[in-house]
């Protein structure tokens, strides 16, 4: 659900139904020794490195308020940019 647009098709996990079993079989066949992104099946070193599931999305890292150096990943689309998403997240905290 997070990341930069990549060349090629990014496969999204189906919510439920007949395609869910097919998605699970495909996920089980992907070789990854680090972290396998659940929505895109991309192998990355950290969950925050996962690409957004849709190439139209922009990946925004919102710094955690506890000063641990962590961040929350948000995928935004449309007229929202990361500065707007970060500003909105501050209003919610």
Protein backbone atom coordinates (compact mmCIF):
# COMPACT_ATOMS: atom_id res chain seq x y z
CA UNK A 1 0.00 0.00 0.00
CA UNK A 2 3.02 2.31 0.10
CA UNK A 3 5.75 3.48 -2.24
CA UNK A 4 6.89 4.92 -5.47
CA UNK A 5 5.38 4.02 -8.81
CA UNK A 6 7.26 1.16 -10.39
CA UNK A 7 7.43 -0.09 -13.93
CA UNK A 8 5.07 -2.92 -14.66
CA UNK A 9 1.85 -4.00 -13.08
CA UNK A 10 1.46 -3.94 -9.33
CA UNK A 11 -0.90 -6.60 -8.03
CA UNK A 12 -3.26 -5.67 -5.23
CA UNK A 13 -4.60 -8.08 -2.64
CA UNK A 14 -8.29 -8.83 -3.19
CA UNK A 15 -10.58 -8.07 -0.25
CA UNK A 16 -12.33 -11.42 -0.40
CA UNK A 17 -14.04 -13.85 -2.72
CA UNK A 18 -12.79 -16.20 -5.39
CA UNK A 19 -9.64 -14.22 -6.15
CA UNK A 20 -8.45 -14.27 -2.52
CA UNK A 21 -7.23 -17.88 -2.78
CA UNK A 22 -5.43 -17.12 -6.02
CA UNK A 23 -3.77 -14.07 -4.42
CA UNK A 24 -2.65 -16.16 -1.41
CA UNK A 25 -1.16 -18.81 -3.70
CA UNK A 26 0.75 -16.10 -5.57
CA UNK A 27 1.94 -14.49 -2.31
CA UNK A 28 3.20 -17.87 -1.08
CA UNK A 29 5.20 -18.32 -4.30
CA UNK A 30 7.07 -14.98 -3.96
CA UNK A 31 10.54 -15.47 -2.54
CA UNK A 32 11.45 -12.79 -0.01
CA UNK A 33 13.93 -13.01 2.85
CA UNK A 34 13.09 -9.56 4.25
CA UNK A 35 9.61 -7.94 4.27
CA UNK A 36 6.94 -8.79 1.70
CA UNK A 37 4.55 -5.88 1.17
CA UNK A 38 1.03 -7.25 1.62
CA UNK A 39 -0.69 -5.12 -1.02
CA UNK A 40 1.91 -5.18 -3.78
CA UNK A 41 3.97 -8.34 -3.05
CA UNK A 42 7.18 -6.34 -3.42
CA UNK A 43 10.12 -7.50 -1.30
CA UNK A 44 11.68 -4.63 0.69
CA UNK A 45 13.96 -4.26 3.70
CA UNK A 46 11.44 -2.33 5.84
CA UNK A 47 7.64 -1.97 5.80
CA UNK A 48 7.99 1.78 5.21
CA UNK A 49 9.75 0.97 1.91
CA UNK A 50 6.61 -0.65 0.45
CA UNK A 51 5.24 1.09 -2.62
CA UNK A 52 1.72 2.45 -2.72
CA UNK A 53 -0.62 -0.06 -4.36
CA UNK A 54 -1.72 2.40 -7.06
CA UNK A 55 0.72 4.18 -9.36
CA UNK A 56 -1.38 7.36 -9.04
CA UNK A 57 -0.65 7.56 -5.31
CA UNK A 58 2.12 9.60 -3.71
CA UNK A 59 3.90 8.06 -0.73
CA UNK A 60 4.19 10.40 2.26
CA UNK A 61 6.21 9.65 5.40
CA UNK A 62 4.70 11.42 8.41
CA UNK A 63 7.21 11.59 11.31
CA UNK A 64 5.98 10.00 14.54
CA UNK A 65 5.36 12.50 17.33
CA UNK A 66 7.33 10.49 19.91
CA UNK A 67 10.74 11.45 18.46
CA UNK A 68 11.83 7.83 18.00
CA UNK A 69 12.69 8.45 14.35
CA UNK A 70 9.78 6.34 13.16
CA UNK A 71 7.20 7.38 10.63
CA UNK A 72 3.72 6.54 9.47
CA UNK A 73 3.29 5.92 5.76
CA UNK A 74 0.31 7.49 4.00
CA UNK A 75 -0.54 7.13 0.32
CA UNK A 76 -2.22 10.27 -1.02
CA UNK A 77 -3.90 10.89 -4.36
CA UNK A 78 -5.28 13.85 -6.23
CA UNK A 79 -4.52 17.38 -5.17
CA UNK A 80 -3.10 16.34 -1.79
CA UNK A 81 0.65 16.51 -1.44
CA UNK A 82 2.79 15.30 1.45
CA UNK A 83 2.96 18.74 3.08
CA UNK A 84 -0.85 18.87 3.19
CA UNK A 85 -1.07 15.33 4.59
CA UNK A 86 1.52 16.15 7.27
CA UNK A 87 -0.34 19.35 8.20
CA UNK A 88 -3.63 17.44 8.49
CA UNK A 89 -2.00 14.75 10.64
CA UNK A 90 -0.75 17.39 13.08
CA UNK A 91 -4.31 18.70 13.49
CA UNK A 92 -5.49 15.20 14.41
CA UNK A 93 -2.87 14.64 17.10
